[in-house]
PDB file of N, CA and C in Angstrom:
ATOM      1  N   MET A   1     -21.973 -22.125 -21.754  1.00  0.00           N
ATOM      2  CA  MET A   1     -20.903 -22.756 -21.013  1.00  0.00           C
ATOM      3  C   MET A   1     -20.962 -22.245 -19.581  1.00  0.00           C
ATOM      4  N   ALA A   2     -20.949 -23.135 -18.632  1.00  0.00           N
ATOM      5  CA  ALA A   2     -20.928 -22.769 -17.218  1.00  0.00           C
ATOM      6  C   ALA A   2     -19.641 -23.306 -16.595  1.00  0.00           C
ATOM      7  N   VAL A   3     -18.942 -22.438 -15.897  1.00  0.00           N
ATOM      8  CA  VAL A   3     -17.707 -22.831 -15.233  1.00  0.00           C
ATOM      9  C   VAL A   3     -17.853 -22.456 -13.763  1.00  0.00           C
ATOM     10  N   PRO A   4     -18.236 -23.391 -12.913  1.00  0.00           N
ATOM     11  CA  PRO A   4     -18.421 -23.063 -11.505  1.00  0.00           C
ATOM     12  C   PRO A   4     -17.087 -22.740 -10.825  1.00  0.00           C
ATOM     13  N   THR A   5     -17.017 -21.566 -10.223  1.00  0.00           N
ATOM     14  CA  THR A   5     -15.800 -21.156  -9.521  1.00  0.00           C
ATOM     15  C   THR A   5     -16.095 -19.929  -8.672  1.00  0.00           C
ATOM     16  N   ASP A   6     -15.171 -19.572  -7.826  1.00  0.00           N
ATOM     17  CA  ASP A   6     -15.252 -18.357  -7.017  1.00  0.00           C
ATOM     18  C   ASP A   6     -14.454 -17.283  -7.746  1.00  0.00           C
ATOM     19  N   LEU A   7     -15.137 -16.329  -8.352  1.00  0.00           N
ATOM     20  CA  LEU A   7     -14.468 -15.292  -9.142  1.00  0.00           C
ATOM     21  C   LEU A   7     -13.787 -14.220  -8.297  1.00  0.00           C
ATOM     22  N   GLY A   8     -13.815 -14.346  -7.002  1.00  0.00           N
ATOM     23  CA  GLY A   8     -13.168 -13.367  -6.137  1.00  0.00           C
ATOM     24  C   GLY A   8     -11.653 -13.487  -6.111  1.00  0.00           C
ATOM     25  N   PHE A   9     -11.120 -14.451  -6.843  1.00  0.00           N
ATOM     26  CA  PHE A   9      -9.675 -14.683  -6.843  1.00  0.00           C
ATOM     27  C   PHE A   9      -9.149 -14.694  -8.273  1.00  0.00           C
ATOM     28  N   ASP A  10      -8.063 -13.994  -8.489  1.00  0.00           N
ATOM     29  CA  ASP A  10      -7.493 -13.795  -9.817  1.00  0.00           C
ATOM     30  C   ASP A  10      -7.210 -15.101 -10.546  1.00  0.00           C
ATOM     31  N   ASP A  11      -6.645 -16.077  -9.859  1.00  0.00           N
ATOM     32  CA  ASP A  11      -6.322 -17.367 -10.498  1.00  0.00           C
ATOM     33  C   ASP A  11      -7.575 -18.049 -11.044  1.00  0.00           C
ATOM     34  N   ASN A  12      -8.666 -17.985 -10.309  1.00  0.00           N
ATOM     35  CA  ASN A  12      -9.921 -18.586 -10.762  1.00  0.00           C
ATOM     36  C   ASN A  12     -10.460 -17.855 -11.984  1.00  0.00           C
ATOM     37  N   CYS A  13     -10.358 -16.539 -11.983  1.00  0.00           N
ATOM     38  CA  CYS A  13     -10.808 -15.753 -13.133  1.00  0.00           C
ATOM     39  C   CYS A  13      -9.987 -16.111 -14.367  1.00  0.00           C
ATOM     40  N   LYS A  14      -8.692 -16.281 -14.190  1.00  0.00           N
ATOM     41  CA  LYS A  14      -7.825 -16.646 -15.314  1.00  0.00           C
ATOM     42  C   LYS A  14      -8.226 -18.002 -15.881  1.00  0.00           C
ATOM     43  N   ARG A  15      -8.526 -18.932 -15.008  1.00  0.00           N
ATOM     44  CA  ARG A  15      -8.936 -20.262 -15.460  1.00  0.00           C
ATOM     45  C   ARG A  15     -10.216 -20.184 -16.276  1.00  0.00           C
ATOM     46  N   VAL A  16     -11.189 -19.397 -15.829  1.00  0.00           N
ATOM     47  CA  VAL A  16     -12.455 -19.259 -16.555  1.00  0.00           C
ATOM     48  C   VAL A  16     -12.225 -18.612 -17.917  1.00  0.00           C
ATOM     49  N   VAL A  17     -11.483 -17.514 -17.946  1.00  0.00           N
ATOM     50  CA  VAL A  17     -11.212 -16.828 -19.212  1.00  0.00           C
ATOM     51  C   VAL A  17     -10.465 -17.779 -20.157  1.00  0.00           C
ATOM     52  N   ASP A  18      -9.476 -18.496 -19.654  1.00  0.00           N
ATOM     53  CA  ASP A  18      -8.733 -19.441 -20.490  1.00  0.00           C
ATOM     54  C   ASP A  18      -9.645 -20.533 -21.048  1.00  0.00           C
ATOM     55  N   GLU A  19     -10.552 -21.060 -20.234  1.00  0.00           N
ATOM     56  CA  GLU A  19     -11.468 -22.108 -20.695  1.00  0.00           C
ATOM     57  C   GLU A  19     -12.387 -21.596 -21.801  1.00  0.00           C
ATOM     58  N   VAL A  20     -12.894 -20.386 -21.625  1.00  0.00           N
ATOM     59  CA  VAL A  20     -13.789 -19.822 -22.640  1.00  0.00           C
ATOM     60  C   VAL A  20     -13.029 -19.572 -23.940  1.00  0.00           C
ATOM     61  N   VAL A  21     -11.853 -18.972 -23.840  1.00  0.00           N
ATOM     62  CA  VAL A  21     -11.059 -18.687 -25.039  1.00  0.00           C
ATOM     63  C   VAL A  21     -10.642 -19.988 -25.722  1.00  0.00           C
ATOM     64  N   ASN A  22     -10.283 -21.001 -24.950  1.00  0.00           N
ATOM     65  CA  ASN A  22      -9.919 -22.292 -25.545  1.00  0.00           C
ATOM     66  C   ASN A  22     -11.103 -22.935 -26.262  1.00  0.00           C
ATOM     67  N   SER A  23     -12.308 -22.721 -25.753  1.00  0.00           N
ATOM     68  CA  SER A  23     -13.496 -23.317 -26.366  1.00  0.00           C
ATOM     69  C   SER A  23     -14.013 -22.535 -27.566  1.00  0.00           C
ATOM     70  N   TYR A  24     -13.970 -21.204 -27.475  1.00  0.00           N
ATOM     71  CA  TYR A  24     -14.597 -20.369 -28.498  1.00  0.00           C
ATOM     72  C   TYR A  24     -13.610 -19.532 -29.322  1.00  0.00           C
ATOM     73  N   GLY A  25     -12.358 -19.510 -28.925  1.00  0.00           N
ATOM     74  CA  GLY A  25     -11.355 -18.771 -29.686  1.00  0.00           C
ATOM     75  C   GLY A  25     -11.143 -17.343 -29.230  1.00  0.00           C
ATOM     76  N   ARG A  26     -12.160 -16.718 -28.687  1.00  0.00           N
ATOM     77  CA  ARG A  26     -12.045 -15.332 -28.210  1.00  0.00           C
ATOM     78  C   ARG A  26     -13.295 -14.975 -27.400  1.00  0.00           C
ATOM     79  N   ILE A  27     -13.253 -13.818 -26.779  1.00  0.00           N
ATOM     80  CA  ILE A  27     -14.417 -13.289 -26.066  1.00  0.00           C
ATOM     81  C   ILE A  27     -14.772 -11.961 -26.715  1.00  0.00           C
ATOM     82  N   ASP A  28     -15.937 -11.896 -27.329  1.00  0.00           N
ATOM     83  CA  ASP A  28     -16.392 -10.673 -27.993  1.00  0.00           C
ATOM     84  C   ASP A  28     -17.153  -9.753 -27.047  1.00  0.00           C
ATOM     85  N   ILE A  29     -17.941 -10.343 -26.157  1.00  0.00           N
ATOM     86  CA  ILE A  29     -18.767  -9.563 -25.233  1.00  0.00           C
ATOM     87  C   ILE A  29     -18.567 -10.126 -23.833  1.00  0.00           C
ATOM     88  N   LEU A  30     -18.327  -9.241 -22.885  1.00  0.00           N
ATOM     89  CA  LEU A  30     -18.161  -9.649 -21.491  1.00  0.00           C
ATOM     90  C   LEU A  30     -19.293  -9.057 -20.658  1.00  0.00           C
ATOM     91  N   VAL A  31     -19.973  -9.912 -19.926  1.00  0.00           N
ATOM     92  CA  VAL A  31     -20.997  -9.466 -18.984  1.00  0.00           C
ATOM     93  C   VAL A  31     -20.529  -9.898 -17.599  1.00  0.00           C
ATOM     94  N   ASN A  32     -20.118  -8.945 -16.797  1.00  0.00           N
ATOM     95  CA  ASN A  32     -19.740  -9.226 -15.407  1.00  0.00           C
ATOM     96  C   ASN A  32     -21.015  -9.192 -14.573  1.00  0.00           C
ATOM     97  N   ASN A  33     -21.406 -10.348 -14.053  1.00  0.00           N
ATOM     98  CA  ASN A  33     -22.674 -10.417 -13.341  1.00  0.00           C
ATOM     99  C   ASN A  33     -22.556 -11.190 -12.027  1.00  0.00           C
ATOM    100  N   ALA A  34     -21.381 -11.245 -11.453  1.00  0.00           N
ATOM    101  CA  ALA A  34     -21.211 -11.909 -10.164  1.00  0.00           C
ATOM    102  C   ALA A  34     -21.585 -10.926  -9.061  1.00  0.00           C
ATOM    103  N   ALA A  35     -22.279 -11.419  -8.046  1.00  0.00           N
ATOM    104  CA  ALA A  35     -22.661 -10.532  -6.941  1.00  0.00           C
ATOM    105  C   ALA A  35     -22.948 -11.355  -5.692  1.00  0.00           C
ATOM    106  N   GLU A  36     -22.728 -10.708  -4.569  1.00  0.00           N
ATOM    107  CA  GLU A  36     -23.000 -11.320  -3.280  1.00  0.00           C
ATOM    108  C   GLU A  36     -23.473 -10.222  -2.344  1.00  0.00           C
ATOM    109  N   GLN A  37     -24.475 -10.525  -1.525  1.00  0.00           N
ATOM    110  CA  GLN A  37     -25.019  -9.518  -0.613  1.00  0.00           C
ATOM    111  C   GLN A  37     -25.511 -10.203   0.651  1.00  0.00           C
ATOM    112  N   TYR A  38     -25.303  -9.535   1.773  1.00  0.00           N
ATOM    113  CA  TYR A  38     -25.785 -10.026   3.055  1.00  0.00           C
ATOM    114  C   TYR A  38     -26.655  -8.952   3.683  1.00  0.00           C
ATOM    115  N   GLU A  39     -27.735  -9.368   4.274  1.00  0.00           N
ATOM    116  CA  GLU A  39     -28.613  -8.409   4.953  1.00  0.00           C
ATOM    117  C   GLU A  39     -28.035  -8.078   6.323  1.00  0.00           C
ATOM    118  N   ALA A  40     -28.044  -6.799   6.665  1.00  0.00           N
ATOM    119  CA  ALA A  40     -27.581  -6.350   7.986  1.00  0.00           C
ATOM    120  C   ALA A  40     -28.396  -5.138   8.388  1.00  0.00           C
ATOM    121  N   SER A  41     -28.760  -5.078   9.662  1.00  0.00           N
ATOM    122  CA  SER A  41     -29.536  -3.925  10.123  1.00  0.00           C
ATOM    123  C   SER A  41     -28.676  -2.737  10.512  1.00  0.00           C
ATOM    124  N   SER A  42     -27.366  -2.976  10.685  1.00  0.00           N
ATOM    125  CA  SER A  42     -26.468  -1.872  11.020  1.00  0.00           C
ATOM    126  C   SER A  42     -25.047  -2.230  10.573  1.00  0.00           C
ATOM    127  N   VAL A  43     -24.206  -1.215  10.484  1.00  0.00           N
ATOM    128  CA  VAL A  43     -22.823  -1.456  10.075  1.00  0.00           C
ATOM    129  C   VAL A  43     -22.050  -2.263  11.122  1.00  0.00           C
ATOM    130  N   GLU A  44     -22.500  -2.232  12.358  1.00  0.00           N
ATOM    131  CA  GLU A  44     -21.836  -3.005  13.404  1.00  0.00           C
ATOM    132  C   GLU A  44     -21.931  -4.504  13.144  1.00  0.00           C
ATOM    133  N   GLU A  45     -22.904  -4.927  12.369  1.00  0.00           N
ATOM    134  CA  GLU A  45     -23.077  -6.347  12.058  1.00  0.00           C
ATOM    135  C   GLU A  45     -22.121  -6.825  10.963  1.00  0.00           C
ATOM    136  N   ILE A  46     -21.485  -5.907  10.278  1.00  0.00           N
ATOM    137  CA  ILE A  46     -20.620  -6.276   9.159  1.00  0.00           C
ATOM    138  C   ILE A  46     -19.183  -6.392   9.658  1.00  0.00           C
ATOM    139  N   ASN A  47     -18.683  -7.612   9.709  1.00  0.00           N
ATOM    140  CA  ASN A  47     -17.306  -7.808  10.155  1.00  0.00           C
ATOM    141  C   ASN A  47     -16.363  -7.791   8.949  1.00  0.00           C
ATOM    142  N   GLU A  48     -15.085  -7.821   9.229  1.00  0.00           N
ATOM    143  CA  GLU A  48     -14.085  -7.722   8.168  1.00  0.00           C
ATOM    144  C   GLU A  48     -14.192  -8.869   7.163  1.00  0.00           C
ATOM    145  N   GLU A  49     -14.449 -10.065   7.645  1.00  0.00           N
ATOM    146  CA  GLU A  49     -14.563 -11.229   6.767  1.00  0.00           C
ATOM    147  C   GLU A  49     -15.724 -11.064   5.779  1.00  0.00           C
ATOM    148  N   ARG A  50     -16.861 -10.610   6.272  1.00  0.00           N
ATOM    149  CA  ARG A  50     -18.017 -10.412   5.397  1.00  0.00           C
ATOM    150  C   ARG A  50     -17.755  -9.296   4.393  1.00  0.00           C
ATOM    151  N   LEU A  51     -17.148  -8.215   4.854  1.00  0.00           N
ATOM    152  CA  LEU A  51     -16.848  -7.089   3.969  1.00  0.00           C
ATOM    153  C   LEU A  51     -15.895  -7.518   2.850  1.00  0.00           C
ATOM    154  N   GLU A  52     -14.855  -8.272   3.217  1.00  0.00           N
ATOM    155  CA  GLU A  52     -13.915  -8.746   2.207  1.00  0.00           C
ATOM    156  C   GLU A  52     -14.604  -9.677   1.211  1.00  0.00           C
ATOM    157  N   ARG A  53     -15.469 -10.545   1.688  1.00  0.00           N
ATOM    158  CA  ARG A  53     -16.193 -11.485   0.816  1.00  0.00           C
ATOM    159  C   ARG A  53     -17.018 -10.724  -0.221  1.00  0.00           C
ATOM    160  N   VAL A  54     -17.731  -9.690   0.218  1.00  0.00           N
ATOM    161  CA  VAL A  54     -18.562  -8.893  -0.687  1.00  0.00           C
ATOM    162  C   VAL A  54     -17.692  -8.160  -1.703  1.00  0.00           C
ATOM    163  N   PHE A  55     -16.608  -7.563  -1.260  1.00  0.00           N
ATOM    164  CA  PHE A  55     -15.728  -6.844  -2.187  1.00  0.00           C
ATOM    165  C   PHE A  55     -15.038  -7.795  -3.159  1.00  0.00           C
ATOM    166  N   ARG A  56     -14.635  -8.980  -2.686  1.00  0.00           N
ATOM    167  CA  ARG A  56     -14.014  -9.954  -3.589  1.00  0.00           C
ATOM    168  C   ARG A  56     -14.959 -10.318  -4.716  1.00  0.00           C
ATOM    169  N   THR A  57     -16.216 -10.546  -4.375  1.00  0.00           N
ATOM    170  CA  THR A  57     -17.192 -10.955  -5.392  1.00  0.00           C
ATOM    171  C   THR A  57     -17.672  -9.779  -6.226  1.00  0.00           C
ATOM    172  N   ASN A  58     -18.020  -8.681  -5.596  1.00  0.00           N
ATOM    173  CA  ASN A  58     -18.696  -7.577  -6.292  1.00  0.00           C
ATOM    174  C   ASN A  58     -17.751  -6.577  -6.946  1.00  0.00           C
ATOM    175  N   ILE A  59     -16.508  -6.517  -6.523  1.00  0.00           N
ATOM    176  CA  ILE A  59     -15.566  -5.525  -7.066  1.00  0.00           C
ATOM    177  C   ILE A  59     -14.350  -6.218  -7.691  1.00  0.00           C
ATOM    178  N   PHE A  60     -13.655  -7.018  -6.894  1.00  0.00           N
ATOM    179  CA  PHE A  60     -12.417  -7.639  -7.372  1.00  0.00           C
ATOM    180  C   PHE A  60     -12.662  -8.490  -8.610  1.00  0.00           C
ATOM    181  N   SER A  61     -13.726  -9.291  -8.600  1.00  0.00           N
ATOM    182  CA  SER A  61     -13.974 -10.193  -9.731  1.00  0.00           C
ATOM    183  C   SER A  61     -14.178  -9.415 -11.028  1.00  0.00           C
ATOM    184  N   TYR A  62     -14.860  -8.282 -10.971  1.00  0.00           N
ATOM    185  CA  TYR A  62     -15.075  -7.468 -12.174  1.00  0.00           C
ATOM    186  C   TYR A  62     -13.741  -6.980 -12.724  1.00  0.00           C
ATOM    187  N   PHE A  63     -12.888  -6.522 -11.825  1.00  0.00           N
ATOM    188  CA  PHE A  63     -11.565  -6.041 -12.236  1.00  0.00           C
ATOM    189  C   PHE A  63     -10.745  -7.176 -12.842  1.00  0.00           C
ATOM    190  N   PHE A  64     -10.652  -8.306 -12.124  1.00  0.00           N
ATOM    191  CA  PHE A  64      -9.833  -9.420 -12.581  1.00  0.00           C
ATOM    192  C   PHE A  64     -10.268  -9.902 -13.959  1.00  0.00           C
ATOM    193  N   VAL A  65     -11.559 -10.169 -14.129  1.00  0.00           N
ATOM    194  CA  VAL A  65     -12.049 -10.721 -15.397  1.00  0.00           C
ATOM    195  C   VAL A  65     -11.855  -9.710 -16.533  1.00  0.00           C
ATOM    196  N   THR A  66     -12.199  -8.464 -16.288  1.00  0.00           N
ATOM    197  CA  THR A  66     -12.052  -7.440 -17.332  1.00  0.00           C
ATOM    198  C   THR A  66     -10.599  -7.316 -17.759  1.00  0.00           C
ATOM    199  N   ARG A  67      -9.699  -7.260 -16.799  1.00  0.00           N
ATOM    200  CA  ARG A  67      -8.266  -7.147 -17.128  1.00  0.00           C
ATOM    201  C   ARG A  67      -7.802  -8.340 -17.955  1.00  0.00           C
ATOM    202  N   LEU A  68      -8.231  -9.520 -17.587  1.00  0.00           N
ATOM    203  CA  LEU A  68      -7.807 -10.724 -18.310  1.00  0.00           C
ATOM    204  C   LEU A  68      -8.372 -10.783 -19.722  1.00  0.00           C
ATOM    205  N   VAL A  69      -9.580 -10.334 -19.909  1.00  0.00           N
ATOM    206  CA  VAL A  69     -10.206 -10.372 -21.228  1.00  0.00           C
ATOM    207  C   VAL A  69      -9.563  -9.341 -22.156  1.00  0.00           C
ATOM    208  N   LEU A  70      -9.114  -8.232 -21.613  1.00  0.00           N
ATOM    209  CA  LEU A  70      -8.511  -7.200 -22.444  1.00  0.00           C
ATOM    210  C   LEU A  70      -7.142  -7.603 -23.003  1.00  0.00           C
ATOM    211  N   PHE A  71      -6.466  -8.543 -22.354  1.00  0.00           N
ATOM    212  CA  PHE A  71      -5.103  -8.912 -22.792  1.00  0.00           C
ATOM    213  C   PHE A  71      -5.062 -10.271 -23.384  1.00  0.00           C
TER     214      PHE A  71
END
């Protein structure tokens, strides 16, 4: 099952978890594999928008999905 969405936002994660549970009844195994990366030669090239985008995808999404699956 593929559910295209931006997992950096809690509401989107909830929708994905709900769709999977509605289709299969439960989630036995969770693999968090969302990631985003940008090449930069120095930290000066990383602006706040890019930093937030990376954290939303690489950190926030793992937290959101895991929390939703546990409850």
